[in-house]
N, C-alpha and C. Protein backbone atom coordinates (compact mmCIF):
# COMPACT_ATOMS: atom_id res chain seq x y z
N MET A 1 1.24 39.21 3.11
CA MET A 1 0.81 38.53 4.33
C MET A 1 -0.06 37.41 4.03
N THR A 2 -0.88 37.49 2.97
CA THR A 2 -1.69 36.31 2.50
C THR A 2 -1.05 35.04 2.29
N ASN A 3 0.09 35.25 1.64
CA ASN A 3 0.93 34.22 1.17
C ASN A 3 1.41 33.39 2.42
N ILE A 4 1.89 34.17 3.47
CA ILE A 4 2.30 33.54 4.69
C ILE A 4 1.08 32.76 5.43
N ALA A 5 -0.05 33.52 5.36
CA ALA A 5 -1.19 32.84 5.96
C ALA A 5 -1.74 31.53 5.23
N SER A 6 -1.65 31.66 3.90
CA SER A 6 -1.94 30.39 3.21
C SER A 6 -1.06 29.28 3.28
N THR A 7 0.40 29.62 3.30
CA THR A 7 1.40 28.54 3.45
C THR A 7 1.17 27.98 4.89
N LEU A 8 0.98 28.74 5.87
CA LEU A 8 0.87 28.17 7.24
C LEU A 8 -0.50 27.38 7.26
N GLY A 9 -1.52 27.85 6.75
CA GLY A 9 -2.83 27.04 6.73
C GLY A 9 -2.62 25.79 6.00
N TRP A 10 -1.91 25.73 4.95
CA TRP A 10 -1.68 24.56 4.10
C TRP A 10 -0.82 23.55 4.85
N LYS A 11 0.12 24.09 5.74
CA LYS A 11 1.04 23.15 6.57
C LYS A 11 0.08 22.50 7.69
N ILE A 12 -0.77 23.37 8.20
CA ILE A 12 -1.82 22.73 9.33
C ILE A 12 -2.65 21.76 8.67
N VAL A 13 -3.11 21.98 7.46
CA VAL A 13 -3.99 21.03 6.77
C VAL A 13 -3.22 19.71 6.48
N THR A 14 -2.01 19.72 6.02
CA THR A 14 -1.19 18.65 5.66
C THR A 14 -0.93 17.82 6.96
N VAL A 15 -0.72 18.50 7.99
CA VAL A 15 -0.39 17.83 9.31
C VAL A 15 -1.62 17.09 9.84
N ALA A 16 -2.73 17.87 9.65
CA ALA A 16 -4.06 17.43 10.16
C ALA A 16 -4.46 16.07 9.41
N VAL A 17 -4.01 16.06 8.12
CA VAL A 17 -4.44 14.90 7.29
C VAL A 17 -3.36 13.84 7.49
N GLY A 18 -2.14 14.26 7.55
CA GLY A 18 -1.04 13.28 7.51
C GLY A 18 -0.99 12.41 8.75
N ILE A 19 -1.19 12.83 9.93
CA ILE A 19 -1.05 12.18 11.14
C ILE A 19 -1.92 10.90 11.07
N PRO A 20 -3.28 11.11 10.85
CA PRO A 20 -3.98 9.84 10.88
C PRO A 20 -3.74 8.94 9.74
N VAL A 21 -3.44 9.42 8.62
CA VAL A 21 -2.91 8.55 7.45
C VAL A 21 -1.65 7.78 7.82
N GLY A 22 -0.67 8.55 8.44
CA GLY A 22 0.60 7.65 9.08
C GLY A 22 0.19 6.64 9.95
N ILE A 23 -0.70 6.81 10.87
CA ILE A 23 -0.96 5.94 11.79
C ILE A 23 -1.75 4.82 11.04
N ALA A 24 -2.62 5.11 10.34
CA ALA A 24 -3.28 3.95 9.48
C ALA A 24 -2.21 3.17 8.72
N ALA A 25 -1.35 3.86 8.09
CA ALA A 25 -0.33 3.17 7.12
C ALA A 25 0.47 2.30 8.04
N LYS A 26 0.90 2.71 9.22
CA LYS A 26 1.73 2.01 10.13
C LYS A 26 0.98 0.51 10.41
N LYS A 27 -0.32 0.66 10.85
CA LYS A 27 -1.08 -0.48 11.33
C LYS A 27 -1.30 -1.31 10.03
N GLY A 28 -1.59 -0.75 8.98
CA GLY A 28 -1.90 -1.51 7.66
C GLY A 28 -0.62 -2.33 7.31
N VAL A 29 0.53 -1.66 7.36
CA VAL A 29 1.83 -2.35 7.06
C VAL A 29 2.04 -3.48 7.91
N GLU A 30 1.93 -3.29 9.29
CA GLU A 30 2.08 -4.39 10.23
C GLU A 30 1.01 -5.50 10.05
N ARG A 31 -0.13 -5.12 9.70
CA ARG A 31 -1.21 -6.20 9.59
C ARG A 31 -0.88 -7.06 8.21
N ALA A 32 -0.52 -6.27 7.19
CA ALA A 32 0.02 -7.06 5.98
C ALA A 32 1.21 -7.96 6.24
N TRP A 33 2.06 -7.58 7.06
CA TRP A 33 3.23 -8.50 7.41
C TRP A 33 2.66 -9.71 8.14
N LEU A 34 1.77 -9.42 9.21
CA LEU A 34 1.28 -10.60 9.96
C LEU A 34 0.36 -11.52 9.23
N THR A 35 -0.21 -11.03 8.19
CA THR A 35 -1.02 -11.85 7.35
C THR A 35 -0.18 -12.63 6.43
N ALA A 36 0.87 -12.13 5.97
CA ALA A 36 1.82 -13.05 4.99
C ALA A 36 2.87 -13.75 5.79
N ARG A 37 3.20 -13.42 6.99
CA ARG A 37 4.40 -14.13 7.72
C ARG A 37 3.84 -14.45 9.14
N PRO A 38 4.32 -15.56 9.68
CA PRO A 38 3.69 -15.94 11.00
C PRO A 38 4.19 -15.18 12.20
N GLY A 39 5.45 -14.50 12.08
CA GLY A 39 6.02 -13.77 13.25
C GLY A 39 5.79 -12.33 13.03
N ASP A 40 6.24 -11.74 14.20
CA ASP A 40 6.22 -10.35 14.29
C ASP A 40 7.18 -9.74 13.23
N PRO A 41 6.84 -8.51 12.75
CA PRO A 41 7.71 -7.88 11.73
C PRO A 41 9.12 -7.61 12.29
N PRO A 42 10.14 -7.69 11.60
CA PRO A 42 11.56 -7.31 12.06
C PRO A 42 11.71 -5.78 12.18
N ARG A 43 11.20 -5.21 13.34
CA ARG A 43 11.24 -3.83 13.47
C ARG A 43 12.74 -3.22 13.64
N LYS A 44 13.75 -4.16 13.78
CA LYS A 44 15.20 -3.88 13.76
C LYS A 44 15.93 -4.76 12.69
N PRO A 45 15.80 -4.49 11.51
CA PRO A 45 16.46 -5.40 10.52
C PRO A 45 17.96 -5.69 10.80
N SER A 46 18.60 -4.94 11.51
CA SER A 46 20.10 -5.12 11.54
C SER A 46 20.39 -6.17 12.74
N ASP A 47 19.27 -6.52 13.38
CA ASP A 47 19.44 -7.54 14.42
C ASP A 47 19.96 -8.78 13.82
N PRO A 48 21.02 -9.41 14.44
CA PRO A 48 21.60 -10.69 13.86
C PRO A 48 20.65 -11.93 13.75
N ASN A 49 19.54 -11.80 14.41
CA ASN A 49 18.59 -12.97 14.28
C ASN A 49 17.62 -12.72 13.19
N VAL A 50 17.68 -11.69 12.48
CA VAL A 50 16.78 -11.42 11.36
C VAL A 50 17.33 -11.88 10.12
N SER A 51 16.75 -12.76 9.29
CA SER A 51 17.26 -13.19 8.02
C SER A 51 17.21 -12.15 7.00
N TRP A 52 17.98 -12.22 5.92
CA TRP A 52 18.04 -11.32 4.93
C TRP A 52 16.70 -11.21 4.21
N ARG A 53 16.12 -12.43 4.03
CA ARG A 53 14.85 -12.53 3.37
C ARG A 53 13.84 -11.73 4.04
N ASP A 54 13.76 -11.83 5.40
CA ASP A 54 12.78 -11.07 6.13
C ASP A 54 13.08 -9.64 6.23
N ALA A 55 14.44 -9.25 6.23
CA ALA A 55 14.71 -7.84 6.40
C ALA A 55 14.42 -7.19 4.96
N LEU A 56 14.66 -7.91 3.76
CA LEU A 56 14.30 -7.31 2.59
C LEU A 56 12.83 -7.19 2.43
N ALA A 57 12.05 -8.26 2.78
CA ALA A 57 10.67 -8.32 2.68
C ALA A 57 9.94 -7.13 3.41
N TRP A 58 10.58 -6.85 4.65
CA TRP A 58 10.07 -5.88 5.55
C TRP A 58 10.26 -4.37 4.85
N ALA A 59 11.43 -4.34 4.14
CA ALA A 59 11.76 -3.03 3.59
C ALA A 59 10.80 -2.78 2.49
N VAL A 60 10.47 -3.87 1.68
CA VAL A 60 9.55 -3.71 0.50
C VAL A 60 8.15 -3.37 1.07
N VAL A 61 7.71 -4.10 1.90
CA VAL A 61 6.33 -3.87 2.55
C VAL A 61 6.27 -2.39 3.11
N SER A 62 7.36 -2.01 3.95
CA SER A 62 7.35 -0.74 4.38
C SER A 62 7.34 0.32 3.38
N ALA A 63 8.21 0.09 2.36
CA ALA A 63 8.29 1.19 1.20
C ALA A 63 6.96 1.36 0.57
N VAL A 64 6.32 0.30 0.31
CA VAL A 64 5.09 0.40 -0.43
C VAL A 64 4.01 1.16 0.52
N GLY A 65 4.06 0.78 1.72
CA GLY A 65 3.11 1.49 2.65
C GLY A 65 3.33 3.02 2.76
N VAL A 66 4.68 3.31 2.92
CA VAL A 66 5.06 4.76 2.91
C VAL A 66 4.48 5.42 1.64
N ALA A 67 4.96 4.76 0.46
CA ALA A 67 4.51 5.57 -0.72
C ALA A 67 2.93 5.69 -0.97
N VAL A 68 2.12 4.71 -0.49
CA VAL A 68 0.67 4.92 -0.56
C VAL A 68 0.35 5.87 0.48
N ALA A 69 0.86 5.72 1.63
CA ALA A 69 0.54 6.78 2.74
C ALA A 69 0.76 8.31 2.30
N GLU A 70 1.85 8.49 1.41
CA GLU A 70 2.20 9.76 0.93
C GLU A 70 1.27 10.29 0.00
N LEU A 71 0.88 9.47 -0.84
CA LEU A 71 -0.08 9.59 -1.94
C LEU A 71 -1.43 9.95 -1.45
N VAL A 72 -1.96 9.20 -0.49
CA VAL A 72 -3.27 9.49 0.15
C VAL A 72 -3.23 10.81 1.17
N ALA A 73 -2.25 11.03 1.80
CA ALA A 73 -1.97 12.27 2.51
C ALA A 73 -2.00 13.46 1.53
N THR A 74 -1.21 13.43 0.57
CA THR A 74 -1.20 14.70 -0.37
C THR A 74 -2.35 14.78 -0.99
N LYS A 75 -3.12 13.82 -1.57
CA LYS A 75 -4.42 13.96 -2.21
C LYS A 75 -5.47 14.38 -1.20
N GLY A 76 -5.38 13.70 -0.10
CA GLY A 76 -6.43 14.23 0.85
C GLY A 76 -6.31 15.56 1.36
N ALA A 77 -5.01 16.00 1.50
CA ALA A 77 -4.81 17.47 2.14
C ALA A 77 -5.38 18.44 0.96
N ALA A 78 -4.95 18.12 -0.31
CA ALA A 78 -5.38 18.95 -1.28
C ALA A 78 -6.95 19.00 -1.39
N SER A 79 -7.61 17.91 -1.28
CA SER A 79 -8.98 17.95 -1.31
C SER A 79 -9.66 18.65 -0.19
N ALA A 80 -9.11 18.50 0.98
CA ALA A 80 -9.49 19.13 2.17
C ALA A 80 -9.35 20.70 1.99
N TRP A 81 -8.15 21.10 1.48
CA TRP A 81 -7.88 22.33 1.18
C TRP A 81 -8.99 23.04 0.26
N ARG A 82 -9.24 22.42 -0.77
CA ARG A 82 -10.21 22.84 -1.79
C ARG A 82 -11.70 22.93 -1.23
N SER A 83 -11.86 22.07 -0.20
CA SER A 83 -13.22 22.12 0.42
C SER A 83 -13.31 23.30 1.36
N LEU A 84 -12.08 23.64 2.02
CA LEU A 84 -12.06 24.65 2.98
C LEU A 84 -12.01 26.08 2.43
N THR A 85 -11.19 26.19 1.34
CA THR A 85 -10.94 27.56 0.69
C THR A 85 -11.59 27.80 -0.57
N GLY A 86 -11.97 26.78 -1.21
CA GLY A 86 -12.61 26.95 -2.58
C GLY A 86 -11.41 27.08 -3.74
N GLY A 87 -10.12 27.13 -3.29
CA GLY A 87 -9.02 27.35 -4.26
C GLY A 87 -8.06 26.13 -4.17
N GLU A 88 -7.01 26.31 -5.04
CA GLU A 88 -5.96 25.44 -5.01
C GLU A 88 -5.02 25.53 -3.89
N PRO A 89 -4.38 24.47 -3.45
CA PRO A 89 -3.50 24.64 -2.28
C PRO A 89 -2.18 25.41 -2.90
N PRO A 90 -1.42 26.10 -2.01
CA PRO A 90 -0.15 26.88 -2.42
C PRO A 90 0.75 25.91 -3.05
N ALA A 91 1.43 26.54 -3.97
CA ALA A 91 2.46 25.72 -4.70
C ALA A 91 3.60 25.34 -3.71
N LYS A 92 4.24 24.13 -3.91
CA LYS A 92 5.25 23.70 -3.07
C LYS A 92 6.57 24.53 -3.52
N SER A 93 7.39 25.07 -2.58
CA SER A 93 8.42 25.72 -2.88
C SER A 93 9.79 24.81 -2.88
N ALA A 94 9.67 23.79 -2.06
CA ALA A 94 10.73 22.83 -1.92
C ALA A 94 10.80 21.84 -3.05
N PRO A 95 11.94 21.44 -3.46
CA PRO A 95 11.89 20.37 -4.57
C PRO A 95 11.48 19.00 -4.04
N THR A 96 10.75 18.18 -4.81
CA THR A 96 10.15 16.88 -4.35
C THR A 96 11.47 15.95 -4.26
N VAL A 97 11.26 14.84 -3.69
CA VAL A 97 12.26 13.71 -3.54
C VAL A 97 12.63 13.21 -4.95
N ALA A 98 11.58 13.16 -5.72
CA ALA A 98 11.92 12.47 -7.14
C ALA A 98 12.73 13.51 -7.97
N LYS A 99 12.60 14.82 -7.78
CA LYS A 99 13.37 15.74 -8.57
C LYS A 99 14.81 15.67 -8.00
N VAL A 100 14.92 15.53 -6.72
CA VAL A 100 16.33 15.56 -6.18
C VAL A 100 16.98 14.33 -6.55
N ALA A 101 16.39 13.19 -6.61
CA ALA A 101 16.85 11.97 -7.05
C ALA A 101 17.45 11.91 -8.39
N VAL A 102 16.71 12.59 -9.32
CA VAL A 102 17.08 12.59 -10.67
C VAL A 102 18.03 13.72 -11.13
N GLY A 103 18.30 14.66 -10.07
CA GLY A 103 19.08 15.72 -10.31
C GLY A 103 18.42 16.91 -11.05
N ALA A 104 17.07 17.02 -11.15
CA ALA A 104 16.34 17.99 -11.85
C ALA A 104 16.25 19.36 -11.03
N ALA A 105 16.46 19.20 -9.72
CA ALA A 105 16.21 20.49 -8.92
C ALA A 105 17.42 21.38 -8.96
């Protein structure tokens, strides 16, 4: 029962940390785009009016934003968990994206 409770608690902490981090990342990515480029970001890169250069640049900026947000959310949730419980967060049971990508899972 304790394992289920700690797993549920960990999920709640990760959501509580992840939502504001995600919102901040979205705003940060859009702000970075507007700083570097004069127009709005290409929210739909498949649009025929969007150039390849803009579509690729948006993909790169978005990917960096997602990677940084994932790092901040994961580290922040672990830190919050340690502050709340005094222990380490429960181990992840699902394979990470990196493990699946390289076939180690």
